[in-house]
N, C-alpha and C. Protein backbone atom coordinates (compact mmCIF):
# COMPACT_ATOMS: atom_id res chain seq x y z
N MET A 1 31.93 8.70 -27.61
CA MET A 1 30.80 8.48 -26.91
C MET A 1 31.53 8.30 -25.41
N LYS A 2 31.22 9.60 -24.49
CA LYS A 2 31.89 10.13 -23.18
C LYS A 2 31.30 7.95 -22.62
N LEU A 3 31.67 8.03 -21.97
CA LEU A 3 31.77 6.83 -20.95
C LEU A 3 30.69 6.48 -20.35
N ILE A 4 30.78 8.19 -19.38
CA ILE A 4 29.38 8.27 -18.16
C ILE A 4 27.83 8.04 -19.30
N THR A 5 27.92 8.17 -20.41
CA THR A 5 26.79 8.51 -21.30
C THR A 5 26.74 6.64 -22.01
N ARG A 6 27.69 6.53 -21.98
CA ARG A 6 27.39 5.01 -22.07
C ARG A 6 27.23 4.03 -21.48
N THR A 7 27.61 4.72 -20.22
CA THR A 7 27.05 3.24 -18.92
C THR A 7 25.88 4.13 -18.48
N SER A 8 25.55 5.53 -18.95
CA SER A 8 24.12 5.89 -18.47
C SER A 8 22.52 4.81 -20.13
N LEU A 9 23.44 5.06 -20.67
CA LEU A 9 22.81 4.59 -21.82
C LEU A 9 22.53 2.77 -21.50
N TYR A 10 23.34 2.31 -21.35
CA TYR A 10 22.76 0.67 -20.80
C TYR A 10 22.28 0.25 -19.75
N PHE A 11 22.15 1.58 -18.35
CA PHE A 11 21.60 0.89 -17.80
C PHE A 11 19.74 1.87 -17.87
N PHE A 12 20.16 2.37 -18.79
CA PHE A 12 18.42 2.72 -19.32
C PHE A 12 17.77 1.77 -20.38
N LEU A 13 18.51 0.96 -21.16
CA LEU A 13 17.93 0.44 -22.16
C LEU A 13 17.65 -1.28 -20.79
N ILE A 14 18.53 -1.24 -20.09
CA ILE A 14 18.11 -2.63 -19.14
C ILE A 14 17.16 -2.24 -18.00
N SER A 15 17.17 -1.50 -17.93
CA SER A 15 15.77 -0.68 -16.90
C SER A 15 14.68 -0.58 -17.71
N LEU A 16 14.74 -0.33 -18.66
CA LEU A 16 13.42 -0.80 -20.13
C LEU A 16 13.24 -1.92 -20.22
N VAL A 17 14.01 -2.61 -20.33
CA VAL A 17 13.71 -4.19 -20.28
C VAL A 17 13.22 -4.87 -19.42
N VAL A 18 13.39 -4.66 -18.25
CA VAL A 18 12.79 -4.68 -16.90
C VAL A 18 11.73 -4.50 -16.55
N LEU A 19 11.25 -2.95 -16.61
CA LEU A 19 9.84 -3.12 -16.96
C LEU A 19 8.80 -3.15 -18.00
N ILE A 20 9.47 -3.62 -18.91
CA ILE A 20 8.66 -4.12 -19.94
C ILE A 20 8.42 -5.20 -19.95
N LEU A 21 9.21 -6.08 -19.12
CA LEU A 21 9.01 -7.45 -18.70
C LEU A 21 7.93 -7.50 -17.25
N ALA A 22 8.07 -6.86 -16.61
CA ALA A 22 7.51 -6.49 -15.30
C ALA A 22 5.84 -6.33 -15.37
N GLY A 23 5.92 -5.19 -16.58
CA GLY A 23 4.81 -4.46 -16.77
C GLY A 23 4.06 -5.71 -17.13
N THR A 24 4.28 -6.35 -18.48
CA THR A 24 3.92 -7.81 -19.05
C THR A 24 3.33 -8.82 -17.79
N GLY A 25 4.04 -9.23 -17.22
CA GLY A 25 4.01 -9.89 -16.05
C GLY A 25 2.70 -9.67 -15.20
N PHE A 26 2.63 -8.48 -14.78
CA PHE A 26 2.29 -7.87 -13.70
C PHE A 26 0.68 -7.76 -14.86
N TYR A 27 0.11 -7.13 -16.02
CA TYR A 27 -0.68 -7.52 -16.70
C TYR A 27 -1.57 -8.70 -16.68
N ILE A 28 -0.43 -9.97 -17.06
CA ILE A 28 -1.12 -10.99 -17.23
C ILE A 28 -1.40 -11.54 -15.82
N TYR A 29 -0.87 -11.49 -14.65
CA TYR A 29 -1.33 -11.88 -13.50
C TYR A 29 -2.58 -11.10 -12.88
N PHE A 30 -2.75 -9.71 -13.23
CA PHE A 30 -3.80 -9.04 -13.02
C PHE A 30 -5.51 -9.86 -13.46
N SER A 31 -4.75 -9.64 -15.20
CA SER A 31 -5.71 -10.49 -15.96
C SER A 31 -6.34 -11.70 -15.41
N PHE A 32 -5.41 -12.40 -15.09
CA PHE A 32 -5.81 -13.83 -14.44
C PHE A 32 -6.77 -14.13 -13.17
N LEU A 33 -6.41 -12.78 -12.28
CA LEU A 33 -7.06 -12.30 -11.09
C LEU A 33 -8.80 -12.18 -11.41
N LEU A 34 -8.82 -11.18 -12.29
CA LEU A 34 -9.45 -10.89 -13.06
C LEU A 34 -10.48 -11.92 -13.39
N ASP A 35 -9.88 -12.38 -14.10
CA ASP A 35 -10.85 -13.59 -15.03
C ASP A 35 -11.45 -15.00 -13.59
N GLU A 36 -10.47 -14.92 -12.56
CA GLU A 36 -10.82 -15.89 -11.32
C GLU A 36 -12.35 -14.60 -10.59
N GLU A 37 -12.05 -14.01 -10.50
CA GLU A 37 -12.81 -13.28 -9.75
C GLU A 37 -14.88 -13.21 -10.58
N ILE A 38 -14.38 -13.00 -11.47
CA ILE A 38 -15.51 -13.32 -12.29
C ILE A 38 -16.30 -14.83 -12.49
N ASN A 39 -15.13 -15.36 -12.59
CA ASN A 39 -16.13 -17.34 -12.17
C ASN A 39 -16.48 -17.21 -11.19
N ASP A 40 -15.75 -16.73 -10.11
CA ASP A 40 -16.28 -16.69 -8.94
C ASP A 40 -17.93 -16.53 -8.69
N GLN A 41 -17.70 -14.88 -9.32
CA GLN A 41 -19.28 -14.36 -9.57
C GLN A 41 -20.07 -15.26 -10.03
N ILE A 42 -20.04 -15.99 -10.97
CA ILE A 42 -20.59 -16.80 -11.75
C ILE A 42 -21.22 -18.32 -10.97
N GLY A 43 -20.34 -18.83 -10.26
CA GLY A 43 -20.48 -19.55 -9.33
C GLY A 43 -21.48 -19.84 -8.52
N ILE A 44 -21.20 -18.62 -8.07
CA ILE A 44 -22.25 -17.63 -6.58
C ILE A 44 -23.47 -17.78 -7.42
N ASP A 45 -23.65 -17.08 -8.45
CA ASP A 45 -25.27 -17.21 -9.25
C ASP A 45 -25.52 -18.50 -9.74
N GLU A 46 -25.01 -19.70 -9.73
CA GLU A 46 -25.19 -20.74 -10.23
C GLU A 46 -25.62 -21.32 -8.66
N THR A 47 -25.17 -20.99 -7.75
CA THR A 47 -25.30 -21.68 -6.46
C THR A 47 -26.81 -21.22 -5.99
N HIS A 48 -26.88 -20.05 -6.57
CA HIS A 48 -27.93 -19.21 -6.20
C HIS A 48 -29.72 -19.76 -6.63
N ILE A 49 -29.09 -20.11 -7.79
CA ILE A 49 -29.89 -20.57 -9.24
C ILE A 49 -30.84 -22.04 -8.82
N ARG A 50 -29.26 -23.15 -8.53
CA ARG A 50 -29.86 -24.43 -8.17
C ARG A 50 -30.52 -24.51 -7.13
N GLU A 51 -30.37 -23.68 -5.51
CA GLU A 51 -30.92 -23.33 -4.36
C GLU A 51 -32.44 -22.64 -4.39
N TYR A 52 -32.24 -22.08 -5.44
CA TYR A 52 -33.84 -21.40 -5.45
C TYR A 52 -34.32 -22.76 -6.62
N ALA A 53 -34.30 -23.23 -7.15
CA ALA A 53 -34.94 -24.17 -7.99
C ALA A 53 -35.12 -25.76 -7.19
N ALA A 54 -34.27 -25.91 -6.81
CA ALA A 54 -34.48 -27.40 -5.24
C ALA A 54 -35.69 -26.56 -4.32
N LYS A 55 -35.63 -25.81 -3.87
CA LYS A 55 -36.41 -25.41 -2.66
C LYS A 55 -37.62 -24.63 -3.05
N HIS A 56 -37.78 -24.44 -4.40
CA HIS A 56 -38.91 -23.50 -4.90
C HIS A 56 -39.60 -24.95 -5.78
N ASN A 57 -39.09 -25.90 -6.52
CA ASN A 57 -39.66 -26.04 -7.52
C ASN A 57 -39.72 -25.38 -8.41
N ALA A 58 -39.02 -24.39 -8.64
CA ALA A 58 -39.39 -23.83 -10.06
C ALA A 58 -37.83 -23.06 -10.63
N LEU A 59 -38.05 -22.16 -11.81
CA LEU A 59 -37.38 -21.43 -12.24
C LEU A 59 -36.93 -20.49 -11.56
N PRO A 60 -36.33 -19.61 -10.95
CA PRO A 60 -35.82 -18.55 -10.35
C PRO A 60 -36.65 -17.32 -11.24
N PRO A 61 -37.20 -16.20 -11.08
CA PRO A 61 -38.02 -15.23 -11.74
C PRO A 61 -36.20 -14.29 -12.26
N LEU A 62 -36.17 -13.50 -13.73
CA LEU A 62 -35.24 -13.17 -14.12
C LEU A 62 -35.40 -11.73 -13.64
N SER A 63 -34.26 -11.03 -13.35
CA SER A 63 -34.24 -9.66 -13.09
C SER A 63 -33.63 -8.73 -14.43
N PRO A 64 -34.49 -7.81 -14.54
CA PRO A 64 -33.89 -7.16 -15.79
C PRO A 64 -32.96 -6.32 -15.66
N ILE A 65 -32.87 -6.30 -14.22
CA ILE A 65 -31.62 -4.64 -14.25
C ILE A 65 -30.85 -5.83 -13.82
N ALA A 66 -30.35 -6.74 -13.71
CA ALA A 66 -29.14 -6.91 -13.04
C ALA A 66 -28.41 -6.84 -13.98
N GLU A 67 -26.59 -7.20 -14.06
CA GLU A 67 -25.94 -7.24 -14.97
C GLU A 67 -25.62 -8.30 -15.46
N THR A 68 -26.05 -9.50 -15.14
CA THR A 68 -25.79 -10.76 -15.61
C THR A 68 -26.90 -11.43 -16.16
N ILE A 69 -26.77 -11.70 -17.51
CA ILE A 69 -27.81 -12.30 -18.00
C ILE A 69 -28.06 -13.78 -17.99
N ILE A 70 -29.15 -13.89 -17.84
CA ILE A 70 -29.39 -15.73 -17.63
C ILE A 70 -30.57 -15.76 -18.59
N THR A 71 -30.48 -17.23 -19.43
CA THR A 71 -31.37 -17.80 -20.09
C THR A 71 -31.66 -19.13 -20.01
N PHE A 72 -32.95 -19.41 -19.94
CA PHE A 72 -33.22 -20.77 -19.33
C PHE A 72 -33.46 -21.34 -20.84
N ASP A 73 -32.98 -22.75 -21.24
CA ASP A 73 -33.85 -23.73 -22.51
C ASP A 73 -34.06 -24.90 -22.20
N THR A 74 -34.91 -25.76 -22.70
CA THR A 74 -35.15 -26.75 -22.01
C THR A 74 -34.02 -27.96 -23.53
N ILE A 75 -33.90 -28.80 -22.46
CA ILE A 75 -32.60 -29.72 -23.25
C ILE A 75 -33.05 -31.28 -23.37
N GLN A 76 -32.92 -32.29 -24.06
CA GLN A 76 -32.74 -33.21 -24.07
C GLN A 76 -32.07 -34.51 -23.71
N ARG A 77 -30.80 -33.29 -23.63
CA ARG A 77 -29.44 -34.19 -23.25
C ARG A 77 -28.04 -33.62 -22.21
N SER A 78 -27.67 -34.16 -22.09
CA SER A 78 -26.18 -33.50 -21.01
C SER A 78 -25.11 -32.35 -21.98
N LEU A 79 -25.00 -31.75 -21.42
CA LEU A 79 -23.81 -31.04 -21.86
C LEU A 79 -22.72 -30.59 -20.75
N PRO A 80 -21.42 -30.22 -21.26
CA PRO A 80 -20.58 -30.25 -20.55
C PRO A 80 -20.42 -28.71 -19.88
N GLU A 81 -19.97 -28.84 -18.77
CA GLU A 81 -19.93 -27.59 -18.02
C GLU A 81 -18.42 -26.67 -17.81
N ASN A 82 -18.19 -25.48 -18.75
CA ASN A 82 -17.55 -24.95 -18.31
C ASN A 82 -17.10 -23.35 -18.79
N PHE A 83 -16.52 -22.98 -18.75
CA PHE A 83 -16.15 -21.02 -19.18
C PHE A 83 -15.57 -20.63 -20.42
N VAL A 84 -16.50 -19.84 -20.83
CA VAL A 84 -16.11 -19.73 -22.16
C VAL A 84 -16.35 -17.79 -22.69
N ASP A 85 -15.83 -17.16 -23.41
CA ASP A 85 -15.82 -16.46 -23.30
C ASP A 85 -16.34 -15.56 -24.59
N THR A 86 -17.12 -14.90 -24.44
CA THR A 86 -18.24 -14.99 -26.17
C THR A 86 -18.77 -12.99 -25.97
N ILE A 87 -19.64 -12.39 -27.51
CA ILE A 87 -19.97 -11.53 -27.91
C ILE A 87 -21.31 -11.73 -27.54
N LEU A 88 -22.11 -11.11 -26.38
CA LEU A 88 -23.33 -11.20 -26.65
C LEU A 88 -24.26 -9.63 -26.98
N LEU A 89 -25.47 -9.80 -27.44
CA LEU A 89 -26.23 -7.89 -26.81
C LEU A 89 -26.41 -7.83 -25.51
N SER A 90 -25.62 -6.69 -25.07
CA SER A 90 -26.06 -6.39 -23.73
C SER A 90 -27.77 -5.64 -23.68
N PRO A 91 -28.01 -6.30 -22.19
CA PRO A 91 -29.26 -5.56 -22.57
C PRO A 91 -29.71 -4.11 -21.62
N LEU A 92 -28.31 -3.75 -21.09
CA LEU A 92 -28.68 -2.08 -20.28
C LEU A 92 -27.55 -1.22 -21.55
N GLN A 93 -26.86 -1.33 -22.05
CA GLN A 93 -26.04 -0.72 -23.04
C GLN A 93 -26.66 -1.02 -25.04
N ASP A 94 -27.50 -1.82 -24.82
CA ASP A 94 -27.91 -2.28 -26.39
C ASP A 94 -26.71 -2.08 -27.48
N GLU A 95 -25.85 -2.62 -27.34
CA GLU A 95 -24.37 -2.91 -27.89
C GLU A 95 -23.99 -4.30 -27.64
N TYR A 96 -23.31 -4.59 -28.78
CA TYR A 96 -22.85 -6.08 -28.75
C TYR A 96 -21.30 -6.34 -27.50
N LEU A 97 -21.06 -6.78 -26.65
CA LEU A 97 -20.21 -6.53 -25.49
C LEU A 97 -19.44 -8.18 -25.71
N PRO A 98 -18.82 -7.72 -24.95
CA PRO A 98 -17.60 -9.01 -24.76
C PRO A 98 -18.50 -9.61 -22.91
N TYR A 99 -18.57 -11.08 -22.76
CA TYR A 99 -18.97 -12.06 -21.95
C TYR A 99 -18.13 -12.86 -21.65
N ARG A 100 -18.50 -13.69 -20.48
CA ARG A 100 -17.81 -15.24 -19.60
C ARG A 100 -18.85 -15.37 -19.39
N GLN A 101 -19.07 -16.89 -20.05
CA GLN A 101 -20.37 -17.68 -19.81
C GLN A 101 -20.25 -19.09 -19.39
N THR A 102 -21.31 -19.82 -18.50
CA THR A 102 -21.09 -20.92 -18.76
C THR A 102 -22.40 -21.48 -19.03
N ARG A 103 -22.05 -22.77 -18.18
CA ARG A 103 -24.15 -23.73 -18.91
C ARG A 103 -23.75 -24.48 -17.67
N PHE A 104 -25.15 -24.84 -17.35
CA PHE A 104 -25.33 -26.10 -16.59
C PHE A 104 -26.53 -26.23 -16.45
N ILE A 105 -26.88 -27.60 -15.71
CA ILE A 105 -28.35 -28.23 -15.86
C ILE A 105 -28.95 -27.99 -14.55
N ILE A 106 -30.40 -27.80 -14.44
CA ILE A 106 -31.06 -28.09 -13.69
C ILE A 106 -32.35 -28.34 -13.67
N SER A 107 -33.00 -29.28 -12.96
CA SER A 107 -34.01 -30.07 -12.91
C SER A 107 -35.14 -29.59 -12.43
N VAL A 108 -36.45 -29.33 -12.82
CA VAL A 108 -37.55 -28.56 -12.07
C VAL A 108 -38.76 -29.05 -12.91
N LYS A 109 -39.67 -29.72 -12.23
CA LYS A 109 -40.74 -30.65 -12.26
C LYS A 109 -40.41 -31.35 -13.29
N GLY A 110 -39.29 -32.16 -13.47
CA GLY A 110 -39.37 -33.24 -14.26
C GLY A 110 -38.82 -33.03 -15.64
N HIS A 111 -38.46 -31.61 -15.78
CA HIS A 111 -38.08 -31.28 -16.81
C HIS A 111 -36.40 -30.83 -16.95
N ASN A 112 -35.47 -31.33 -17.62
CA ASN A 112 -34.46 -30.43 -17.82
C ASN A 112 -33.94 -29.31 -18.58
N TYR A 113 -33.46 -28.16 -17.95
CA TYR A 113 -33.20 -27.18 -18.69
C TYR A 113 -31.35 -26.49 -18.53
N SER A 114 -31.63 -26.18 -19.14
CA SER A 114 -30.07 -25.73 -19.42
C SER A 114 -29.86 -24.18 -19.25
N VAL A 115 -29.15 -23.85 -18.34
CA VAL A 115 -29.08 -22.59 -17.86
C VAL A 115 -27.77 -22.04 -18.45
N ALA A 116 -27.59 -20.46 -18.70
CA ALA A 116 -26.98 -19.73 -19.26
C ALA A 116 -26.26 -18.80 -18.38
N LEU A 117 -25.17 -18.58 -17.90
CA LEU A 117 -25.08 -17.46 -16.86
C LEU A 117 -24.13 -17.02 -17.71
N SER A 118 -24.13 -15.20 -18.22
CA SER A 118 -23.14 -14.41 -18.40
C SER A 118 -22.87 -13.44 -18.11
N LYS A 119 -21.70 -13.07 -17.60
CA LYS A 119 -21.33 -12.06 -17.00
C LYS A 119 -20.83 -10.96 -17.72
N PRO A 120 -20.73 -9.66 -17.75
CA PRO A 120 -19.78 -9.10 -18.86
C PRO A 120 -18.35 -8.42 -18.03
N LEU A 121 -17.88 -8.69 -19.22
CA LEU A 121 -16.27 -8.45 -19.16
C LEU A 121 -15.69 -6.55 -19.85
N PHE A 122 -16.50 -5.91 -20.06
CA PHE A 122 -16.19 -4.52 -20.29
C PHE A 122 -15.48 -4.32 -18.99
N GLU A 123 -16.11 -4.56 -17.80
CA GLU A 123 -15.72 -3.47 -16.70
C GLU A 123 -14.14 -3.95 -16.53
N LYS A 124 -14.15 -5.22 -16.61
CA LYS A 124 -12.58 -5.47 -16.76
C LYS A 124 -11.92 -5.16 -17.72
N ASP A 125 -12.13 -5.19 -19.24
CA ASP A 125 -11.58 -4.53 -20.42
C ASP A 125 -11.24 -3.29 -19.58
N ASP A 126 -12.31 -2.29 -19.86
CA ASP A 126 -11.87 -1.05 -18.78
C ASP A 126 -11.32 -0.89 -17.93
N LEU A 127 -10.97 -1.90 -17.04
CA LEU A 127 -10.43 -2.21 -15.80
C LEU A 127 -8.83 -2.01 -15.93
N LEU A 128 -8.53 -3.25 -16.92
CA LEU A 128 -7.13 -3.04 -17.44
C LEU A 128 -6.39 -1.88 -18.44
N GLU A 129 -7.59 -1.19 -19.01
CA GLU A 129 -6.78 -0.40 -20.01
C GLU A 129 -6.51 0.92 -18.77
N THR A 130 -7.11 1.22 -17.63
CA THR A 130 -6.70 1.98 -17.26
C THR A 130 -5.31 2.03 -16.01
N LEU A 131 -5.55 0.50 -16.40
CA LEU A 131 -4.24 0.25 -15.02
C LEU A 131 -3.10 0.38 -16.11
N ILE A 132 -3.45 -0.34 -17.21
CA ILE A 132 -2.26 -0.26 -18.56
C ILE A 132 -1.53 1.02 -18.57
N LYS A 133 -2.63 2.12 -18.75
CA LYS A 133 -2.26 3.94 -18.75
C LYS A 133 -1.12 4.29 -17.76
N SER A 134 -1.70 3.84 -16.75
CA SER A 134 -1.47 4.82 -15.42
C SER A 134 0.22 3.76 -15.30
N LEU A 135 0.05 2.38 -15.15
CA LEU A 135 1.29 1.35 -15.41
C LEU A 135 2.83 2.27 -16.40
N GLY A 136 2.12 2.65 -17.55
CA GLY A 136 2.71 3.20 -18.79
C GLY A 136 3.36 4.53 -18.21
N ILE A 137 2.64 5.64 -17.64
CA ILE A 137 2.90 6.94 -16.94
C ILE A 137 3.85 6.76 -15.96
N PHE A 138 3.35 5.91 -15.22
CA PHE A 138 4.80 5.50 -14.23
C PHE A 138 6.03 5.20 -14.44
N PHE A 139 5.76 3.96 -15.38
CA PHE A 139 7.46 3.33 -15.61
C PHE A 139 7.81 4.04 -16.63
N ILE A 140 7.23 5.37 -17.30
CA ILE A 140 8.16 6.23 -17.72
C ILE A 140 9.06 7.11 -16.84
N PHE A 141 7.57 7.89 -16.01
CA PHE A 141 8.57 8.86 -15.07
C PHE A 141 9.34 7.95 -13.86
N LEU A 142 9.29 6.65 -13.69
CA LEU A 142 10.20 5.86 -13.33
C LEU A 142 11.32 5.88 -14.14
N LEU A 143 11.56 5.53 -15.25
CA LEU A 143 12.75 5.34 -16.07
C LEU A 143 13.68 6.62 -16.42
N LEU A 144 12.65 7.70 -16.27
CA LEU A 144 13.16 9.33 -16.32
C LEU A 144 14.10 9.31 -14.95
N ILE A 145 13.15 8.64 -14.00
CA ILE A 145 14.56 9.22 -12.72
C ILE A 145 15.10 8.24 -11.97
N LEU A 146 15.15 7.02 -12.77
CA LEU A 146 16.24 5.89 -12.66
C LEU A 146 17.34 6.74 -13.79
N TYR A 147 17.27 7.24 -14.93
CA TYR A 147 17.82 7.78 -15.83
C TYR A 147 18.77 8.80 -15.23
N LEU A 148 18.39 9.50 -14.42
CA LEU A 148 19.02 11.05 -14.29
C LEU A 148 19.53 10.81 -12.88
N VAL A 149 19.16 9.89 -11.94
CA VAL A 149 20.03 9.31 -10.80
C VAL A 149 21.50 8.21 -11.10
N SER A 150 21.33 7.80 -12.37
CA SER A 150 22.45 6.59 -12.98
C SER A 150 23.18 8.29 -13.66
N ARG A 151 22.57 8.84 -14.22
CA ARG A 151 23.87 9.66 -15.05
C ARG A 151 24.38 10.65 -13.85
N TRP A 152 23.73 11.27 -12.87
CA TRP A 152 24.22 12.05 -11.70
C TRP A 152 25.00 11.01 -10.69
N LEU A 153 24.57 9.85 -10.59
CA LEU A 153 25.56 8.86 -9.63
C LEU A 153 27.04 8.83 -10.59
N SER A 154 27.14 8.35 -11.92
CA SER A 154 27.75 7.85 -12.58
C SER A 154 29.00 9.25 -13.25
N ASN A 155 28.36 10.54 -12.96
CA ASN A 155 29.31 11.25 -12.86
C ASN A 155 29.86 11.68 -11.72
N LYS A 156 29.49 11.46 -10.46
CA LYS A 156 29.94 11.58 -9.29
C LYS A 156 31.48 10.52 -9.52
N LEU A 157 31.03 9.44 -9.25
CA LEU A 157 32.11 8.08 -9.49
C LEU A 157 32.92 8.55 -10.27
N TRP A 158 32.90 8.62 -11.28
CA TRP A 158 33.70 8.59 -12.72
C TRP A 158 34.45 10.20 -13.00
N LYS A 159 34.14 11.11 -12.15
CA LYS A 159 34.89 12.21 -11.70
C LYS A 159 36.25 12.19 -11.80
N PRO A 160 36.81 11.28 -10.58
CA PRO A 160 38.35 11.21 -10.28
C PRO A 160 39.27 10.47 -11.54
N PHE A 161 38.42 10.05 -12.35
CA PHE A 161 38.88 9.07 -13.07
C PHE A 161 39.23 10.28 -14.63
N TYR A 162 37.85 11.56 -14.42
CA TYR A 162 38.64 12.01 -15.70
C TYR A 162 39.23 13.45 -15.55
N GLN A 163 39.36 13.37 -14.32
CA GLN A 163 40.34 14.30 -13.91
C GLN A 163 41.94 13.65 -13.75
C-alpha cells in the first residue's frame, strides 16, 4: 500500500470517528433543547390554567382544536408534579402518539382537581429525523471532500519523496 493511500485512509477514519461523535453530541444536545422547549410550553399552559382558575373560580373551558390535551380529575390526595413521557390517543390524528405530560393540582370552589397537560412529541421526532438525515448527508459530503483534499494535499507534499 502506498504511503499516500495509508495516510489518506488514516485521515479518513479519524475524520469519520470525529464526525460520528460530533453528530451524536449534536443530536443529544438538540434533543435536550427540544425537551426543554416543550417543558417551557407546558409551564406556560399551566400558568394560564392556574390564572384562569384563580380569576374565575372555575375550570377553564377545553378547546378541541388545540394540540395540547388537557384533562381534569377530582382528587382527594396530593400527587407529585413532574414531567413524564407517555403514549396517548391524539384527538387530531386519531392514533396513539408520544406526548410529554405533567400533572398539577388546582382548587376550584373547594374541590381539588388534578390537571393533566399533555403536549405532543411527534413534532420533535419529525424534526429530529429530518435533522439526522440532513446531518448524515452533510457528513458524507464533508467526509468525501476531506478525503479528496487530504489525498490531493498528501500527493503534493509527498511528491518530492517519491521522486
